[in-house]
C-alpha atoms as a PDB file:
ATOM      1  CA  UNK A   1       1.982 -10.524  -3.113  1.00  0.00           C
ATOM      2  CA  UNK A   2       2.108 -13.686  -0.863  1.00  0.00           C
ATOM      3  CA  UNK A   3      -0.545 -13.327   1.882  1.00  0.00           C
ATOM      4  CA  UNK A   4      -2.527 -10.579   0.272  1.00  0.00           C
ATOM      5  CA  UNK A   5      -6.142 -11.481  -0.018  1.00  0.00           C
ATOM      6  CA  UNK A   6      -7.367 -13.145  -3.221  1.00  0.00           C
ATOM      7  CA  UNK A   7     -11.102 -12.513  -2.819  1.00  0.00           C
ATOM      8  CA  UNK A   8     -13.627 -11.381  -0.421  1.00  0.00           C
ATOM      9  CA  UNK A   9     -17.235 -12.663  -0.353  1.00  0.00           C
ATOM     10  CA  UNK A  10     -19.879 -10.767   1.541  1.00  0.00           C
ATOM     11  CA  UNK A  11     -23.389 -11.905   2.417  1.00  0.00           C
ATOM     12  CA  UNK A  12     -26.193  -9.464   1.844  1.00  0.00           C
ATOM     13  CA  UNK A  13     -29.937  -9.583   2.628  1.00  0.00           C
ATOM     14  CA  UNK A  14     -30.927  -8.634  -0.896  1.00  0.00           C
ATOM     15  CA  UNK A  15     -28.601  -8.811  -3.838  1.00  0.00           C
ATOM     16  CA  UNK A  16     -30.716  -6.582  -6.069  1.00  0.00           C
ATOM     17  CA  UNK A  17     -30.858  -3.944  -3.430  1.00  0.00           C
ATOM     18  CA  UNK A  18     -27.189  -4.089  -2.536  1.00  0.00           C
ATOM     19  CA  UNK A  19     -25.892  -4.180  -6.178  1.00  0.00           C
ATOM     20  CA  UNK A  20     -26.232  -0.508  -7.054  1.00  0.00           C
ATOM     21  CA  UNK A  21     -24.436   0.537  -3.850  1.00  0.00           C
ATOM     22  CA  UNK A  22     -21.525  -1.897  -4.581  1.00  0.00           C
ATOM     23  CA  UNK A  23     -21.485  -0.966  -8.287  1.00  0.00           C
ATOM     24  CA  UNK A  24     -20.965   2.730  -7.352  1.00  0.00           C
ATOM     25  CA  UNK A  25     -18.568   2.232  -4.427  1.00  0.00           C
ATOM     26  CA  UNK A  26     -16.421  -0.510  -6.066  1.00  0.00           C
ATOM     27  CA  UNK A  27     -16.574   1.284  -9.451  1.00  0.00           C
ATOM     28  CA  UNK A  28     -15.091   4.353  -7.726  1.00  0.00           C
ATOM     29  CA  UNK A  29     -12.215   2.113  -6.495  1.00  0.00           C
ATOM     30  CA  UNK A  30     -11.499   0.642  -9.915  1.00  0.00           C
ATOM     31  CA  UNK A  31     -13.520  -2.542  -9.769  1.00  0.00           C
ATOM     32  CA  UNK A  32     -15.856  -3.725 -12.556  1.00  0.00           C
ATOM     33  CA  UNK A  33     -18.482  -6.429 -12.637  1.00  0.00           C
ATOM     34  CA  UNK A  34     -16.933  -9.745 -13.609  1.00  0.00           C
ATOM     35  CA  UNK A  35     -19.540 -12.410 -13.147  1.00  0.00           C
ATOM     36  CA  UNK A  36     -23.146 -12.618 -12.167  1.00  0.00           C
ATOM     37  CA  UNK A  37     -25.558 -15.461 -11.742  1.00  0.00           C
ATOM     38  CA  UNK A  38     -28.574 -16.433  -9.606  1.00  0.00           C
ATOM     39  CA  UNK A  39     -26.272 -16.761  -6.465  1.00  0.00           C
ATOM     40  CA  UNK A  40     -24.737 -13.274  -6.622  1.00  0.00           C
ATOM     41  CA  UNK A  41     -22.297 -10.900  -8.297  1.00  0.00           C
ATOM     42  CA  UNK A  42     -18.491 -10.686  -8.412  1.00  0.00           C
ATOM     43  CA  UNK A  43     -16.441  -7.663  -9.128  1.00  0.00           C
ATOM     44  CA  UNK A  44     -12.771  -7.801 -10.264  1.00  0.00           C
ATOM     45  CA  UNK A  45     -10.205  -5.039  -9.933  1.00  0.00           C
ATOM     46  CA  UNK A  46      -9.808  -3.742 -13.436  1.00  0.00           C
ATOM     47  CA  UNK A  47      -6.317  -2.342 -13.040  1.00  0.00           C
ATOM     48  CA  UNK A  48      -4.535  -4.874 -10.842  1.00  0.00           C
ATOM     49  CA  UNK A  49      -2.376  -7.840 -12.087  1.00  0.00           C
ATOM     50  CA  UNK A  50      -4.654 -10.807 -12.631  1.00  0.00           C
ATOM     51  CA  UNK A  51      -7.655  -8.579 -11.746  1.00  0.00           C
ATOM     52  CA  UNK A  52      -7.343  -9.452  -8.111  1.00  0.00           C
ATOM     53  CA  UNK A  53      -8.637  -9.207  -5.530  1.00  0.00           C
ATOM     54  CA  UNK A  54     -12.312  -9.956  -6.424  1.00  0.00           C
ATOM     55  CA  UNK A  55     -15.276  -8.998  -4.246  1.00  0.00           C
ATOM     56  CA  UNK A  56     -18.457 -10.813  -4.333  1.00  0.00           C
ATOM     57  CA  UNK A  57     -21.890 -10.422  -2.820  1.00  0.00           C
ATOM     58  CA  UNK A  58     -24.227 -13.301  -2.206  1.00  0.00           C
ATOM     59  CA  UNK A  59     -27.829 -13.643  -0.915  1.00  0.00           C
ATOM     60  CA  UNK A  60     -28.161 -14.537   2.771  1.00  0.00           C
ATOM     61  CA  UNK A  61     -29.947 -17.688   3.578  1.00  0.00           C
ATOM     62  CA  UNK A  62     -31.483 -19.319   6.653  1.00  0.00           C
ATOM     63  CA  UNK A  63     -32.900 -17.762   9.894  1.00  0.00           C
ATOM     64  CA  UNK A  64     -30.529 -14.847  10.030  1.00  0.00           C
ATOM     65  CA  UNK A  65     -31.023 -13.544   6.526  1.00  0.00           C
ATOM     66  CA  UNK A  66     -32.985 -10.508   7.648  1.00  0.00           C
ATOM     67  CA  UNK A  67     -30.661  -9.585  10.494  1.00  0.00           C
ATOM     68  CA  UNK A  68     -28.541  -6.419  10.165  1.00  0.00           C
ATOM     69  CA  UNK A  69     -24.841  -6.895  10.439  1.00  0.00           C
ATOM     70  CA  UNK A  70     -23.428  -6.524  13.974  1.00  0.00           C
ATOM     71  CA  UNK A  71     -19.663  -5.762  13.789  1.00  0.00           C
ATOM     72  CA  UNK A  72     -19.363  -6.327  17.515  1.00  0.00           C
ATOM     73  CA  UNK A  73     -20.557 -10.016  17.320  1.00  0.00           C
ATOM     74  CA  UNK A  74     -18.100 -12.656  16.341  1.00  0.00           C
ATOM     75  CA  UNK A  75     -17.146 -12.341  12.602  1.00  0.00           C
ATOM     76  CA  UNK A  76     -16.200  -9.453  10.411  1.00  0.00           C
ATOM     77  CA  UNK A  77     -15.796  -6.064  11.978  1.00  0.00           C
ATOM     78  CA  UNK A  78     -15.131  -4.031   8.836  1.00  0.00           C
ATOM     79  CA  UNK A  79     -13.392  -3.843   5.635  1.00  0.00           C
ATOM     80  CA  UNK A  80     -10.858  -1.044   4.732  1.00  0.00           C
ATOM     81  CA  UNK A  81      -9.938  -0.226   1.116  1.00  0.00           C
ATOM     82  CA  UNK A  82      -6.856   1.847   0.017  1.00  0.00           C
ATOM     83  CA  UNK A  83      -7.451   5.243  -1.347  1.00  0.00           C
ATOM     84  CA  UNK A  84      -4.853   6.994  -3.706  1.00  0.00           C
ATOM     85  CA  UNK A  85      -5.069  10.369  -2.015  1.00  0.00           C
ATOM     86  CA  UNK A  86      -7.083  12.498   0.460  1.00  0.00           C
ATOM     87  CA  UNK A  87      -8.928  13.856  -2.588  1.00  0.00           C
ATOM     88  CA  UNK A  88      -9.841  10.348  -3.511  1.00  0.00           C
ATOM     89  CA  UNK A  89     -11.325   9.841  -0.024  1.00  0.00           C
ATOM     90  CA  UNK A  90     -13.210  13.186  -0.386  1.00  0.00           C
ATOM     91  CA  UNK A  91     -14.509  12.180  -3.822  1.00  0.00           C
ATOM     92  CA  UNK A  92     -15.978   8.890  -2.487  1.00  0.00           C
ATOM     93  CA  UNK A  93     -17.582  10.850   0.362  1.00  0.00           C
ATOM     94  CA  UNK A  94     -19.258  13.033  -2.079  1.00  0.00           C
ATOM     95  CA  UNK A  95     -20.540  10.010  -4.030  1.00  0.00           C
ATOM     96  CA  UNK A  96     -21.833   8.386  -0.907  1.00  0.00           C
ATOM     97  CA  UNK A  97     -23.727  11.581   0.111  1.00  0.00           C
ATOM     98  CA  UNK A  98     -25.155  11.853  -3.449  1.00  0.00           C
ATOM     99  CA  UNK A  99     -26.351   8.170  -3.137  1.00  0.00           C
ATOM    100  CA  UNK A 100     -27.874   8.871   0.269  1.00  0.00           C
ATOM    101  CA  UNK A 101     -25.674   6.022   1.710  1.00  0.00           C
ATOM    102  CA  UNK A 102     -25.027   5.848   5.334  1.00  0.00           C
ATOM    103  CA  UNK A 103     -21.888   7.783   6.256  1.00  0.00           C
ATOM    104  CA  UNK A 104     -20.697   6.629   9.709  1.00  0.00           C
ATOM    105  CA  UNK A 105     -17.902   9.185   9.903  1.00  0.00           C
ATOM    106  CA  UNK A 106     -17.182  11.842   7.227  1.00  0.00           C
ATOM    107  CA  UNK A 107     -13.598  12.200   6.022  1.00  0.00           C
ATOM    108  CA  UNK A 108     -11.201  13.032   8.907  1.00  0.00           C
ATOM    109  CA  UNK A 109      -7.674  12.664  10.079  1.00  0.00           C
ATOM    110  CA  UNK A 110      -6.970   9.721  12.430  1.00  0.00           C
ATOM    111  CA  UNK A 111      -3.476  10.283  13.822  1.00  0.00           C
ATOM    112  CA  UNK A 112      -4.056   7.491  16.353  1.00  0.00           C
ATOM    113  CA  UNK A 113      -3.998   4.985  13.442  1.00  0.00           C
ATOM    114  CA  UNK A 114      -0.872   6.403  11.743  1.00  0.00           C
ATOM    115  CA  UNK A 115       0.797   9.551  10.474  1.00  0.00           C
ATOM    116  CA  UNK A 116      -1.282  11.083   7.686  1.00  0.00           C
ATOM    117  CA  UNK A 117      -4.113   8.461   8.109  1.00  0.00           C
ATOM    118  CA  UNK A 118      -7.247  10.047   6.505  1.00  0.00           C
ATOM    119  CA  UNK A 119     -10.449   8.107   5.987  1.00  0.00           C
ATOM    120  CA  UNK A 120     -14.196   8.020   5.485  1.00  0.00           C
ATOM    121  CA  UNK A 121     -16.323   5.325   7.308  1.00  0.00           C
ATOM    122  CA  UNK A 122     -19.588   4.303   5.824  1.00  0.00           C
ATOM    123  CA  UNK A 123     -22.069   1.297   5.752  1.00  0.00           C
ATOM    124  CA  UNK A 124     -23.552  -0.828   3.088  1.00  0.00           C
ATOM    125  CA  UNK A 125     -27.354  -1.358   2.932  1.00  0.00           C
ATOM    126  CA  UNK A 126     -27.094  -4.172   5.547  1.00  0.00           C
ATOM    127  CA  UNK A 127     -24.991  -2.085   8.006  1.00  0.00           C
ATOM    128  CA  UNK A 128     -21.599  -3.708   7.182  1.00  0.00           C
ATOM    129  CA  UNK A 129     -18.977  -1.016   8.051  1.00  0.00           C
ATOM    130  CA  UNK A 130     -16.669  -0.118   5.151  1.00  0.00           C
ATOM    131  CA  UNK A 131     -13.710   2.297   5.136  1.00  0.00           C
ATOM    132  CA  UNK A 132     -11.848   4.101   2.395  1.00  0.00           C
ATOM    133  CA  UNK A 133      -8.426   5.247   3.650  1.00  0.00           C
ATOM    134  CA  UNK A 134      -5.427   7.115   2.468  1.00  0.00           C
ATOM    135  CA  UNK A 135      -2.247   6.577   4.468  1.00  0.00           C
ATOM    136  CA  UNK A 136       0.997   7.732   3.003  1.00  0.00           C
ATOM    137  CA  UNK A 137       3.623   5.073   3.399  1.00  0.00           C
ATOM    138  CA  UNK A 138       7.213   4.934   2.230  1.00  0.00           C
ATOM    139  CA  UNK A 139       7.874   2.755  -0.802  1.00  0.00           C
END
């Protein structure tokens, strides 16, 4: 487990607006709300040892708080989460469509990224690119 990430904190323009999106998407991936206060919300992974990693959203502050995320500026480009199967990717895509979320690229094969690489690309309410990917790998 050494070197795997412990937590990921994301800044959003409006926690109340982003929370339902993250509840649905992270809930599909096995996360559950862990803590919530005036600063933001954290989700923990319900099935993993130690409930890690955790993912948090926190309100943006300062001059840039209303700016949409630009993945081509310095900083975070996107976050990719592991799916259990191609069907898992398809199920999240259906959820995203039902939520009227921004789907950047519907589920597709991406052989240029690896054999069997299958993913859906989507954005959170602030435009942060997220990915849910199934890639078979030998144990």
